[in-house]
Amino acid sequence: MDIIQECMQMTSYGGEAKSLALQAIRQAREGDFKQAEESLDKSSQALIKSHHAHANLLTRDAEEGDVQVSVFMLHAADHLSSAEVINLLAEEFIYLHKKGGKNYVQNSAYV
């Protein structure tokens, strides 16, 4: 795969991971923990695929030294980084919603 394709993989899978993690947070907020866990699992799988594309770029640069950083590559890395953060926060939000139960959700300031 060429550099542009790897960046596209990072961007698309990173975006998918973010969307699924945010969906998981909404599902947990609504009390649908089973769906939230499933969405979070899918988010993690997409995040792994984004990481694989990133690793391929790093490997290519280490082996061939021909990878030039571009705005497109920075955009892809940004998607991966933000997806990681949102995925981790989603885990915590789901935990908090489970721990607090329905009363916590109804009394929450961000509902």
PDB file of N, CA and C in Angstrom:
ATOM      1  N   MET A   1       0.847  -1.176   0.000  1.00  0.00           N
ATOM      2  CA  MET A   1       0.000   0.000   0.000  1.00  0.00           C
ATOM      3  C   MET A   1       0.893   1.241   0.000  1.00  0.00           C
ATOM      4  N   ASP A   2       0.483   2.257  -0.727  1.00  0.00           N
ATOM      5  CA  ASP A   2       1.312   3.461  -0.756  1.00  0.00           C
ATOM      6  C   ASP A   2       0.973   4.388   0.417  1.00  0.00           C
ATOM      7  N   ILE A   3       1.724   5.450   0.533  1.00  0.00           N
ATOM      8  CA  ILE A   3       1.605   6.359   1.669  1.00  0.00           C
ATOM      9  C   ILE A   3       0.218   6.984   1.751  1.00  0.00           C
ATOM     10  N   ILE A   4      -0.308   7.428   0.620  1.00  0.00           N
ATOM     11  CA  ILE A   4      -1.633   8.049   0.612  1.00  0.00           C
ATOM     12  C   ILE A   4      -2.695   7.054   1.075  1.00  0.00           C
ATOM     13  N   GLN A   5      -2.607   5.828   0.612  1.00  0.00           N
ATOM     14  CA  GLN A   5      -3.591   4.814   1.022  1.00  0.00           C
ATOM     15  C   GLN A   5      -3.500   4.528   2.522  1.00  0.00           C
ATOM     16  N   GLU A   6      -2.286   4.490   3.052  1.00  0.00           N
ATOM     17  CA  GLU A   6      -2.120   4.262   4.497  1.00  0.00           C
ATOM     18  C   GLU A   6      -2.726   5.419   5.280  1.00  0.00           C
ATOM     19  N   CYS A   7      -2.515   6.637   4.806  1.00  0.00           N
ATOM     20  CA  CYS A   7      -3.106   7.803   5.465  1.00  0.00           C
ATOM     21  C   CYS A   7      -4.628   7.754   5.400  1.00  0.00           C
ATOM     22  N   MET A   8      -5.159   7.317   4.267  1.00  0.00           N
ATOM     23  CA  MET A   8      -6.607   7.180   4.139  1.00  0.00           C
ATOM     24  C   MET A   8      -7.143   6.135   5.121  1.00  0.00           C
ATOM     25  N   GLN A   9      -6.400   5.050   5.292  1.00  0.00           N
ATOM     26  CA  GLN A   9      -6.806   4.012   6.253  1.00  0.00           C
ATOM     27  C   GLN A   9      -6.808   4.593   7.672  1.00  0.00           C
ATOM     28  N   MET A  10      -5.756   5.322   8.013  1.00  0.00           N
ATOM     29  CA  MET A  10      -5.690   5.937   9.344  1.00  0.00           C
ATOM     30  C   MET A  10      -6.871   6.870   9.568  1.00  0.00           C
ATOM     31  N   THR A  11      -7.163   7.692   8.568  1.00  0.00           N
ATOM     32  CA  THR A  11      -8.230   8.682   8.690  1.00  0.00           C
ATOM     33  C   THR A  11      -9.596   8.014   8.776  1.00  0.00           C
ATOM     34  N   SER A  12      -9.868   7.092   7.873  1.00  0.00           N
ATOM     35  CA  SER A  12     -11.205   6.491   7.843  1.00  0.00           C
ATOM     36  C   SER A  12     -11.462   5.625   9.070  1.00  0.00           C
ATOM     37  N   TYR A  13     -10.496   4.795   9.443  1.00  0.00           N
ATOM     38  CA  TYR A  13     -10.700   3.956  10.623  1.00  0.00           C
ATOM     39  C   TYR A  13     -10.684   4.785  11.909  1.00  0.00           C
ATOM     40  N   GLY A  14      -9.863   5.824  11.948  1.00  0.00           N
ATOM     41  CA  GLY A  14      -9.870   6.719  13.111  1.00  0.00           C
ATOM     42  C   GLY A  14     -11.206   7.417  13.257  1.00  0.00           C
ATOM     43  N   GLY A  15     -11.756   7.902  12.141  1.00  0.00           N
ATOM     44  CA  GLY A  15     -13.067   8.547  12.181  1.00  0.00           C
ATOM     45  C   GLY A  15     -14.163   7.584  12.594  1.00  0.00           C
ATOM     46  N   GLU A  16     -14.075   6.365  12.094  1.00  0.00           N
ATOM     47  CA  GLU A  16     -15.057   5.340  12.481  1.00  0.00           C
ATOM     48  C   GLU A  16     -14.961   5.049  13.979  1.00  0.00           C
ATOM     49  N   ALA A  17     -13.745   4.949  14.480  1.00  0.00           N
ATOM     50  CA  ALA A  17     -13.547   4.680  15.911  1.00  0.00           C
ATOM     51  C   ALA A  17     -14.138   5.805  16.761  1.00  0.00           C
ATOM     52  N   LYS A  18     -13.917   7.051  16.347  1.00  0.00           N
ATOM     53  CA  LYS A  18     -14.479   8.187  17.091  1.00  0.00           C
ATOM     54  C   LYS A  18     -15.999   8.144  17.094  1.00  0.00           C
ATOM     55  N   SER A  19     -16.584   7.933  15.936  1.00  0.00           N
ATOM     56  CA  SER A  19     -18.050   7.908  15.832  1.00  0.00           C
ATOM     57  C   SER A  19     -18.653   6.805  16.691  1.00  0.00           C
ATOM     58  N   LEU A  20     -18.044   5.637  16.652  1.00  0.00           N
ATOM     59  CA  LEU A  20     -18.556   4.512  17.439  1.00  0.00           C
ATOM     60  C   LEU A  20     -18.394   4.747  18.938  1.00  0.00           C
ATOM     61  N   ALA A  21     -17.290   5.357  19.338  1.00  0.00           N
ATOM     62  CA  ALA A  21     -17.076   5.648  20.761  1.00  0.00           C
ATOM     63  C   ALA A  21     -18.092   6.675  21.256  1.00  0.00           C
ATOM     64  N   LEU A  22     -18.358   7.696  20.455  1.00  0.00           N
ATOM     65  CA  LEU A  22     -19.364   8.690  20.837  1.00  0.00           C
ATOM     66  C   LEU A  22     -20.755   8.067  20.886  1.00  0.00           C
ATOM     67  N   GLN A  23     -21.015   7.167  19.970  1.00  0.00           N
ATOM     68  CA  GLN A  23     -22.286   6.439  19.983  1.00  0.00           C
ATOM     69  C   GLN A  23     -22.405   5.617  21.261  1.00  0.00           C
ATOM     70  N   ALA A  24     -21.321   4.986  21.664  1.00  0.00           N
ATOM     71  CA  ALA A  24     -21.318   4.186  22.896  1.00  0.00           C
ATOM     72  C   ALA A  24     -21.622   5.052  24.114  1.00  0.00           C
ATOM     73  N   ILE A  25     -21.076   6.260  24.143  1.00  0.00           N
ATOM     74  CA  ILE A  25     -21.359   7.171  25.258  1.00  0.00           C
ATOM     75  C   ILE A  25     -22.846   7.511  25.298  1.00  0.00           C
ATOM     76  N   ARG A  26     -23.419   7.836  24.146  1.00  0.00           N
ATOM     77  CA  ARG A  26     -24.856   8.156  24.095  1.00  0.00           C
ATOM     78  C   ARG A  26     -25.699   6.962  24.540  1.00  0.00           C
ATOM     79  N   GLN A  27     -25.314   5.761  24.098  1.00  0.00           N
ATOM     80  CA  GLN A  27     -26.074   4.566  24.479  1.00  0.00           C
ATOM     81  C   GLN A  27     -25.995   4.325  25.982  1.00  0.00           C
ATOM     82  N   ALA A  28     -24.827   4.542  26.567  1.00  0.00           N
ATOM     83  CA  ALA A  28     -24.682   4.372  28.014  1.00  0.00           C
ATOM     84  C   ALA A  28     -25.494   5.428  28.756  1.00  0.00           C
ATOM     85  N   ARG A  29     -25.489   6.637  28.247  1.00  0.00           N
ATOM     86  CA  ARG A  29     -26.263   7.720  28.874  1.00  0.00           C
ATOM     87  C   ARG A  29     -27.748   7.358  28.907  1.00  0.00           C
ATOM     88  N   GLU A  30     -28.200   6.652  27.868  1.00  0.00           N
ATOM     89  CA  GLU A  30     -29.599   6.227  27.787  1.00  0.00           C
ATOM     90  C   GLU A  30     -29.857   4.932  28.567  1.00  0.00           C
ATOM     91  N   GLY A  31     -28.801   4.345  29.142  1.00  0.00           N
ATOM     92  CA  GLY A  31     -28.956   3.131  29.934  1.00  0.00           C
ATOM     93  C   GLY A  31     -28.864   1.842  29.141  1.00  0.00           C
ATOM     94  N   ASP A  32     -28.512   1.922  27.870  1.00  0.00           N
ATOM     95  CA  ASP A  32     -28.398   0.725  27.023  1.00  0.00           C
ATOM     96  C   ASP A  32     -26.943   0.243  27.033  1.00  0.00           C
ATOM     97  N   PHE A  33     -26.564  -0.400  28.128  1.00  0.00           N
ATOM     98  CA  PHE A  33     -25.167  -0.767  28.342  1.00  0.00           C
ATOM     99  C   PHE A  33     -24.686  -1.880  27.417  1.00  0.00           C
ATOM    100  N   LYS A  34     -25.575  -2.777  27.066  1.00  0.00           N
ATOM    101  CA  LYS A  34     -25.173  -3.850  26.149  1.00  0.00           C
ATOM    102  C   LYS A  34     -24.758  -3.252  24.798  1.00  0.00           C
ATOM    103  N   GLN A  35     -25.598  -2.374  24.260  1.00  0.00           N
ATOM    104  CA  GLN A  35     -25.270  -1.729  22.984  1.00  0.00           C
ATOM    105  C   GLN A  35     -24.032  -0.850  23.114  1.00  0.00           C
ATOM    106  N   ALA A  36     -23.902  -0.182  24.254  1.00  0.00           N
ATOM    107  CA  ALA A  36     -22.738   0.676  24.482  1.00  0.00           C
ATOM    108  C   ALA A  36     -21.449  -0.142  24.437  1.00  0.00           C
ATOM    109  N   GLU A  37     -21.464  -1.296  25.079  1.00  0.00           N
ATOM    110  CA  GLU A  37     -20.283  -2.166  25.080  1.00  0.00           C
ATOM    111  C   GLU A  37     -19.971  -2.672  23.670  1.00  0.00           C
ATOM    112  N   GLU A  38     -21.020  -3.006  22.922  1.00  0.00           N
ATOM    113  CA  GLU A  38     -20.820  -3.480  21.550  1.00  0.00           C
ATOM    114  C   GLU A  38     -20.240  -2.368  20.674  1.00  0.00           C
ATOM    115  N   SER A  39     -20.762  -1.158  20.816  1.00  0.00           N
ATOM    116  CA  SER A  39     -20.242  -0.031  20.041  1.00  0.00           C
ATOM    117  C   SER A  39     -18.798   0.268  20.429  1.00  0.00           C
ATOM    118  N   LEU A  40     -18.504   0.185  21.719  1.00  0.00           N
ATOM    119  CA  LEU A  40     -17.138   0.443  22.172  1.00  0.00           C
ATOM    120  C   LEU A  40     -16.182  -0.623  21.644  1.00  0.00           C
ATOM    121  N   ASP A  41     -16.643  -1.867  21.593  1.00  0.00           N
ATOM    122  CA  ASP A  41     -15.816  -2.945  21.041  1.00  0.00           C
ATOM    123  C   ASP A  41     -15.527  -2.692  19.562  1.00  0.00           C
ATOM    124  N   LYS A  42     -16.535  -2.293  18.814  1.00  0.00           N
ATOM    125  CA  LYS A  42     -16.341  -1.978  17.396  1.00  0.00           C
ATOM    126  C   LYS A  42     -15.404  -0.785  17.238  1.00  0.00           C
ATOM    127  N   SER A  43     -15.531   0.182  18.132  1.00  0.00           N
ATOM    128  CA  SER A  43     -14.634   1.342  18.114  1.00  0.00           C
ATOM    129  C   SER A  43     -13.185   0.902  18.311  1.00  0.00           C
ATOM    130  N   SER A  44     -12.979   0.017  19.263  1.00  0.00           N
ATOM    131  CA  SER A  44     -11.619  -0.478  19.539  1.00  0.00           C
ATOM    132  C   SER A  44     -11.051  -1.238  18.341  1.00  0.00           C
ATOM    133  N   GLN A  45     -11.900  -2.009  17.665  1.00  0.00           N
ATOM    134  CA  GLN A  45     -11.448  -2.742  16.477  1.00  0.00           C
ATOM    135  C   GLN A  45     -11.038  -1.772  15.364  1.00  0.00           C
ATOM    136  N   ALA A  46     -11.823  -0.718  15.163  1.00  0.00           N
ATOM    137  CA  ALA A  46     -11.477   0.280  14.149  1.00  0.00           C
ATOM    138  C   ALA A  46     -10.188   1.001  14.533  1.00  0.00           C
ATOM    139  N   LEU A  47     -10.015   1.262  15.816  1.00  0.00           N
ATOM    140  CA  LEU A  47      -8.804   1.926  16.300  1.00  0.00           C
ATOM    141  C   LEU A  47      -7.568   1.070  16.023  1.00  0.00           C
ATOM    142  N   ILE A  48      -7.696  -0.227  16.208  1.00  0.00           N
ATOM    143  CA  ILE A  48      -6.580  -1.138  15.916  1.00  0.00           C
ATOM    144  C   ILE A  48      -6.221  -1.084  14.440  1.00  0.00           C
ATOM    145  N   LYS A  49      -7.217  -1.035  13.567  1.00  0.00           N
ATOM    146  CA  LYS A  49      -6.943  -0.950  12.125  1.00  0.00           C
ATOM    147  C   LYS A  49      -6.242   0.354  11.778  1.00  0.00           C
ATOM    148  N   SER A  50      -6.642   1.433  12.429  1.00  0.00           N
ATOM    149  CA  SER A  50      -5.977   2.718  12.206  1.00  0.00           C
ATOM    150  C   SER A  50      -4.526   2.650  12.678  1.00  0.00           C
ATOM    151  N   HIS A  51      -4.307   1.995  13.810  1.00  0.00           N
ATOM    152  CA  HIS A  51      -2.942   1.816  14.327  1.00  0.00           C
ATOM    153  C   HIS A  51      -2.086   0.977  13.370  1.00  0.00           C
ATOM    154  N   HIS A  52      -2.677  -0.022  12.748  1.00  0.00           N
ATOM    155  CA  HIS A  52      -1.928  -0.863  11.811  1.00  0.00           C
ATOM    156  C   HIS A  52      -1.421  -0.025  10.635  1.00  0.00           C
ATOM    157  N   ALA A  53      -2.294   0.837  10.117  1.00  0.00           N
ATOM    158  CA  ALA A  53      -1.878   1.704   9.011  1.00  0.00           C
ATOM    159  C   ALA A  53      -0.752   2.634   9.454  1.00  0.00           C
ATOM    160  N   HIS A  54      -0.860   3.148  10.667  1.00  0.00           N
ATOM    161  CA  HIS A  54       0.186   4.016  11.205  1.00  0.00           C
ATOM    162  C   HIS A  54       1.502   3.250  11.348  1.00  0.00           C
ATOM    163  N   ALA A  55       1.410   2.034  11.855  1.00  0.00           N
ATOM    164  CA  ALA A  55       2.608   1.201  11.999  1.00  0.00           C
ATOM    165  C   ALA A  55       3.240   0.914  10.639  1.00  0.00           C
ATOM    166  N   ASN A  56       2.404   0.706   9.616  1.00  0.00           N
ATOM    167  CA  ASN A  56       2.938   0.483   8.267  1.00  0.00           C
ATOM    168  C   ASN A  56       3.724   1.688   7.777  1.00  0.00           C
ATOM    169  N   LEU A  57       3.230   2.886   8.055  1.00  0.00           N
ATOM    170  CA  LEU A  57       3.962   4.099   7.674  1.00  0.00           C
ATOM    171  C   LEU A  57       5.287   4.202   8.422  1.00  0.00           C
ATOM    172  N   LEU A  58       5.252   3.917   9.703  1.00  0.00           N
ATOM    173  CA  LEU A  58       6.482   3.980  10.506  1.00  0.00           C
ATOM    174  C   LEU A  58       7.503   2.948  10.033  1.00  0.00           C
ATOM    175  N   THR A  59       7.024   1.759   9.719  1.00  0.00           N
ATOM    176  CA  THR A  59       7.915   0.706   9.230  1.00  0.00           C
ATOM    177  C   THR A  59       8.540   1.098   7.907  1.00  0.00           C
ATOM    178  N   ARG A  60       7.715   1.616   7.012  1.00  0.00           N
ATOM    179  CA  ARG A  60       8.237   2.042   5.709  1.00  0.00           C
ATOM    180  C   ARG A  60       9.288   3.132   5.879  1.00  0.00           C
ATOM    181  N   ASP A  61       9.029   4.085   6.748  1.00  0.00           N
ATOM    182  CA  ASP A  61       9.997   5.160   6.957  1.00  0.00           C
ATOM    183  C   ASP A  61      11.285   4.617   7.558  1.00  0.00           C
ATOM    184  N   ALA A  62      11.170   3.676   8.488  1.00  0.00           N
ATOM    185  CA  ALA A  62      12.364   3.098   9.116  1.00  0.00           C
ATOM    186  C   ALA A  62      13.187   2.291   8.108  1.00  0.00           C
ATOM    187  N   GLU A  63      12.498   1.583   7.221  1.00  0.00           N
ATOM    188  CA  GLU A  63      13.197   0.728   6.260  1.00  0.00           C
ATOM    189  C   GLU A  63      13.724   1.481   5.052  1.00  0.00           C
ATOM    190  N   GLU A  64      12.921   2.425   4.546  1.00  0.00           N
ATOM    191  CA  GLU A  64      13.279   3.089   3.296  1.00  0.00           C
ATOM    192  C   GLU A  64      13.649   4.558   3.456  1.00  0.00           C
ATOM    193  N   GLY A  65      13.185   5.169   4.532  1.00  0.00           N
ATOM    194  CA  GLY A  65      13.515   6.564   4.783  1.00  0.00           C
ATOM    195  C   GLY A  65      12.969   7.535   3.751  1.00  0.00           C
ATOM    196  N   ASP A  66      11.902   7.151   3.045  1.00  0.00           N
ATOM    197  CA  ASP A  66      11.394   8.011   1.978  1.00  0.00           C
ATOM    198  C   ASP A  66      10.046   8.651   2.291  1.00  0.00           C
ATOM    199  N   VAL A  67       9.604   8.567   3.538  1.00  0.00           N
ATOM    200  CA  VAL A  67       8.299   9.116   3.885  1.00  0.00           C
ATOM    201  C   VAL A  67       8.443  10.607   4.176  1.00  0.00           C
ATOM    202  N   GLN A  68       7.744  11.413   3.375  1.00  0.00           N
ATOM    203  CA  GLN A  68       7.725  12.855   3.570  1.00  0.00           C
ATOM    204  C   GLN A  68       6.444  13.229   4.308  1.00  0.00           C
ATOM    205  N   VAL A  69       6.585  14.000   5.357  1.00  0.00           N
ATOM    206  CA  VAL A  69       5.420  14.417   6.130  1.00  0.00           C
ATOM    207  C   VAL A  69       4.636  15.445   5.322  1.00  0.00           C
ATOM    208  N   SER A  70       3.319  15.230   5.259  1.00  0.00           N
ATOM    209  CA  SER A  70       2.445  16.146   4.538  1.00  0.00           C
ATOM    210  C   SER A  70       1.296  16.567   5.445  1.00  0.00           C
ATOM    211  N   VAL A  71       0.544  17.552   5.010  1.00  0.00           N
ATOM    212  CA  VAL A  71      -0.637  17.978   5.759  1.00  0.00           C
ATOM    213  C   VAL A  71      -1.628  16.819   5.854  1.00  0.00           C
ATOM    214  N   PHE A  72      -1.728  16.055   4.792  1.00  0.00           N
ATOM    215  CA  PHE A  72      -2.632  14.904   4.783  1.00  0.00           C
ATOM    216  C   PHE A  72      -2.211  13.887   5.848  1.00  0.00           C
ATOM    217  N   MET A  73      -0.932  13.664   5.989  1.00  0.00           N
ATOM    218  CA  MET A  73      -0.436  12.725   6.995  1.00  0.00           C
ATOM    219  C   MET A  73      -0.707  13.254   8.404  1.00  0.00           C
ATOM    220  N   LEU A  74      -0.533  14.547   8.598  1.00  0.00           N
ATOM    221  CA  LEU A  74      -0.819  15.145   9.899  1.00  0.00           C
ATOM    222  C   LEU A  74      -2.309  15.027  10.230  1.00  0.00           C
ATOM    223  N   HIS A  75      -3.139  15.214   9.221  1.00  0.00           N
ATOM    224  CA  HIS A  75      -4.586  15.067   9.390  1.00  0.00           C
ATOM    225  C   HIS A  75      -4.917  13.633   9.821  1.00  0.00           C
ATOM    226  N   ALA A  76      -4.289  12.658   9.195  1.00  0.00           N
ATOM    227  CA  ALA A  76      -4.513  11.252   9.536  1.00  0.00           C
ATOM    228  C   ALA A  76      -4.065  10.964  10.970  1.00  0.00           C
ATOM    229  N   ALA A  77      -2.903  11.491  11.342  1.00  0.00           N
ATOM    230  CA  ALA A  77      -2.401  11.285  12.699  1.00  0.00           C
ATOM    231  C   ALA A  77      -3.318  11.936  13.730  1.00  0.00           C
ATOM    232  N   ASP A  78      -3.886  13.079  13.367  1.00  0.00           N
ATOM    233  CA  ASP A  78      -4.823  13.759  14.257  1.00  0.00           C
ATOM    234  C   ASP A  78      -6.070  12.908  14.481  1.00  0.00           C
ATOM    235  N   HIS A  79      -6.579  12.301  13.428  1.00  0.00           N
ATOM    236  CA  HIS A  79      -7.740  11.417  13.564  1.00  0.00           C
ATOM    237  C   HIS A  79      -7.420  10.247  14.493  1.00  0.00           C
ATOM    238  N   LEU A  80      -6.260   9.653  14.321  1.00  0.00           N
ATOM    239  CA  LEU A  80      -5.874   8.531  15.166  1.00  0.00           C
ATOM    240  C   LEU A  80      -5.751   8.969  16.624  1.00  0.00           C
ATOM    241  N   SER A  81      -5.082  10.077  16.869  1.00  0.00           N
ATOM    242  CA  SER A  81      -4.891  10.550  18.243  1.00  0.00           C
ATOM    243  C   SER A  81      -6.201  10.894  18.929  1.00  0.00           C
ATOM    244  N   SER A  82      -7.061  11.610  18.237  1.00  0.00           N
ATOM    245  CA  SER A  82      -8.332  11.979  18.862  1.00  0.00           C
ATOM    246  C   SER A  82      -9.207  10.748  19.071  1.00  0.00           C
ATOM    247  N   ALA A  83      -9.132   9.783  18.163  1.00  0.00           N
ATOM    248  CA  ALA A  83      -9.904   8.546  18.336  1.00  0.00           C
ATOM    249  C   ALA A  83      -9.448   7.800  19.581  1.00  0.00           C
ATOM    250  N   GLU A  84      -8.145   7.783  19.832  1.00  0.00           N
ATOM    251  CA  GLU A  84      -7.630   7.116  21.032  1.00  0.00           C
ATOM    252  C   GLU A  84      -8.183   7.757  22.300  1.00  0.00           C
ATOM    253  N   VAL A  85      -8.156   9.078  22.333  1.00  0.00           N
ATOM    254  CA  VAL A  85      -8.627   9.794  23.522  1.00  0.00           C
ATOM    255  C   VAL A  85     -10.120   9.572  23.733  1.00  0.00           C
ATOM    256  N   ILE A  86     -10.893   9.710  22.672  1.00  0.00           N
ATOM    257  CA  ILE A  86     -12.348   9.541  22.791  1.00  0.00           C
ATOM    258  C   ILE A  86     -12.697   8.116  23.192  1.00  0.00           C
ATOM    259  N   ASN A  87     -11.959   7.139  22.667  1.00  0.00           N
ATOM    260  CA  ASN A  87     -12.200   5.745  23.022  1.00  0.00           C
ATOM    261  C   ASN A  87     -11.946   5.517  24.512  1.00  0.00           C
ATOM    262  N   LEU A  88     -10.856   6.059  25.024  1.00  0.00           N
ATOM    263  CA  LEU A  88     -10.553   5.913  26.454  1.00  0.00           C
ATOM    264  C   LEU A  88     -11.595   6.609  27.322  1.00  0.00           C
ATOM    265  N   LEU A  89     -12.006   7.800  26.915  1.00  0.00           N
ATOM    266  CA  LEU A  89     -13.031   8.507  27.678  1.00  0.00           C
ATOM    267  C   LEU A  89     -14.363   7.772  27.635  1.00  0.00           C
ATOM    268  N   ALA A  90     -14.678   7.171  26.502  1.00  0.00           N
ATOM    269  CA  ALA A  90     -15.922   6.410  26.389  1.00  0.00           C
ATOM    270  C   ALA A  90     -15.942   5.263  27.401  1.00  0.00           C
ATOM    271  N   GLU A  91     -14.814   4.592  27.559  1.00  0.00           N
ATOM    272  CA  GLU A  91     -14.734   3.518  28.558  1.00  0.00           C
ATOM    273  C   GLU A  91     -15.083   4.048  29.946  1.00  0.00           C
ATOM    274  N   GLU A  92     -14.526   5.207  30.275  1.00  0.00           N
ATOM    275  CA  GLU A  92     -14.765   5.795  31.593  1.00  0.00           C
ATOM    276  C   GLU A  92     -16.211   6.257  31.750  1.00  0.00           C
ATOM    277  N   PHE A  93     -16.767   6.884  30.724  1.00  0.00           N
ATOM    278  CA  PHE A  93     -18.156   7.340  30.799  1.00  0.00           C
ATOM    279  C   PHE A  93     -19.121   6.169  30.952  1.00  0.00           C
ATOM    280  N   ILE A  94     -18.864   5.107  30.230  1.00  0.00           N
ATOM    281  CA  ILE A  94     -19.727   3.924  30.349  1.00  0.00           C
ATOM    282  C   ILE A  94     -19.654   3.376  31.771  1.00  0.00           C
ATOM    283  N   TYR A  95     -18.441   3.302  32.304  1.00  0.00           N
ATOM    284  CA  TYR A  95     -18.257   2.838  33.683  1.00  0.00           C
ATOM    285  C   TYR A  95     -19.034   3.734  34.654  1.00  0.00           C
ATOM    286  N   LEU A  96     -18.914   5.038  34.499  1.00  0.00           N
ATOM    287  CA  LEU A  96     -19.598   5.964  35.400  1.00  0.00           C
ATOM    288  C   LEU A  96     -21.111   5.841  35.287  1.00  0.00           C
ATOM    289  N   HIS A  97     -21.606   5.696  34.085  1.00  0.00           N
ATOM    290  CA  HIS A  97     -23.051   5.519  33.920  1.00  0.00           C
ATOM    291  C   HIS A  97     -23.520   4.216  34.555  1.00  0.00           C
ATOM    292  N   LYS A  98     -22.749   3.159  34.409  1.00  0.00           N
ATOM    293  CA  LYS A  98     -23.113   1.886  35.035  1.00  0.00           C
ATOM    294  C   LYS A  98     -23.104   2.020  36.556  1.00  0.00           C
ATOM    295  N   LYS A  99     -22.075   2.652  37.065  1.00  0.00           N
ATOM    296  CA  LYS A  99     -21.923   2.777  38.518  1.00  0.00           C
ATOM    297  C   LYS A  99     -23.003   3.658  39.126  1.00  0.00           C
ATOM    298  N   GLY A 100     -23.329   4.718  38.413  1.00  0.00           N
ATOM    299  CA  GLY A 100     -24.313   5.660  38.946  1.00  0.00           C
ATOM    300  C   GLY A 100     -25.743   5.240  38.723  1.00  0.00           C
ATOM    301  N   GLY A 101     -25.950   4.359  37.772  1.00  0.00           N
ATOM    302  CA  GLY A 101     -27.298   3.906  37.494  1.00  0.00           C
ATOM    303  C   GLY A 101     -28.183   5.000  36.921  1.00  0.00           C
ATOM    304  N   LYS A 102     -29.443   4.748  36.922  1.00  0.00           N
ATOM    305  CA  LYS A 102     -30.417   5.645  36.295  1.00  0.00           C
ATOM    306  C   LYS A 102     -30.461   7.008  36.995  1.00  0.00           C
ATOM    307  N   ASN A 103     -30.382   7.042  38.322  1.00  0.00           N
ATOM    308  CA  ASN A 103     -30.429   8.319  39.035  1.00  0.00           C
ATOM    309  C   ASN A 103     -29.265   9.213  38.636  1.00  0.00           C
ATOM    310  N   TYR A 104     -28.103   8.622  38.470  1.00  0.00           N
ATOM    311  CA  TYR A 104     -26.938   9.408  38.062  1.00  0.00           C
ATOM    312  C   TYR A 104     -27.176  10.000  36.678  1.00  0.00           C
ATOM    313  N   VAL A 105     -27.703   9.206  35.770  1.00  0.00           N
ATOM    314  CA  VAL A 105     -27.942   9.668  34.409  1.00  0.00           C
ATOM    315  C   VAL A 105     -28.961  10.801  34.410  1.00  0.00           C
ATOM    316  N   GLN A 106     -30.048  10.663  35.135  1.00  0.00           N
ATOM    317  CA  GLN A 106     -31.087  11.683  35.136  1.00  0.00           C
ATOM    318  C   GLN A 106     -30.638  12.976  35.800  1.00  0.00           C
ATOM    319  N   ASN A 107     -29.754  12.886  36.775  1.00  0.00           N
ATOM    320  CA  ASN A 107     -29.287  14.073  37.485  1.00  0.00           C
ATOM    321  C   ASN A 107     -28.012  14.658  36.898  1.00  0.00           C
ATOM    322  N   SER A 108     -27.517  14.071  35.852  1.00  0.00           N
ATOM    323  CA  SER A 108     -26.269  14.510  35.263  1.00  0.00           C
ATOM    324  C   SER A 108     -26.433  15.859  34.564  1.00  0.00           C
ATOM    325  N   ALA A 109     -25.439  16.705  34.692  1.00  0.00           N
ATOM    326  CA  ALA A 109     -25.475  18.029  34.081  1.00  0.00           C
ATOM    327  C   ALA A 109     -25.314  17.978  32.568  1.00  0.00           C
ATOM    328  N   TYR A 110     -24.774  16.887  32.024  1.00  0.00           N
ATOM    329  CA  TYR A 110     -24.538  16.842  30.576  1.00  0.00           C
ATOM    330  C   TYR A 110     -25.571  16.020  29.824  1.00  0.00           C
ATOM    331  N   VAL A 111     -26.671  15.687  30.448  1.00  0.00           N
ATOM    332  CA  VAL A 111     -27.712  14.919  29.761  1.00  0.00           C
ATOM    333  C   VAL A 111     -28.483  15.840  28.835  1.00  0.00           C
TER     334      VAL A 111
END
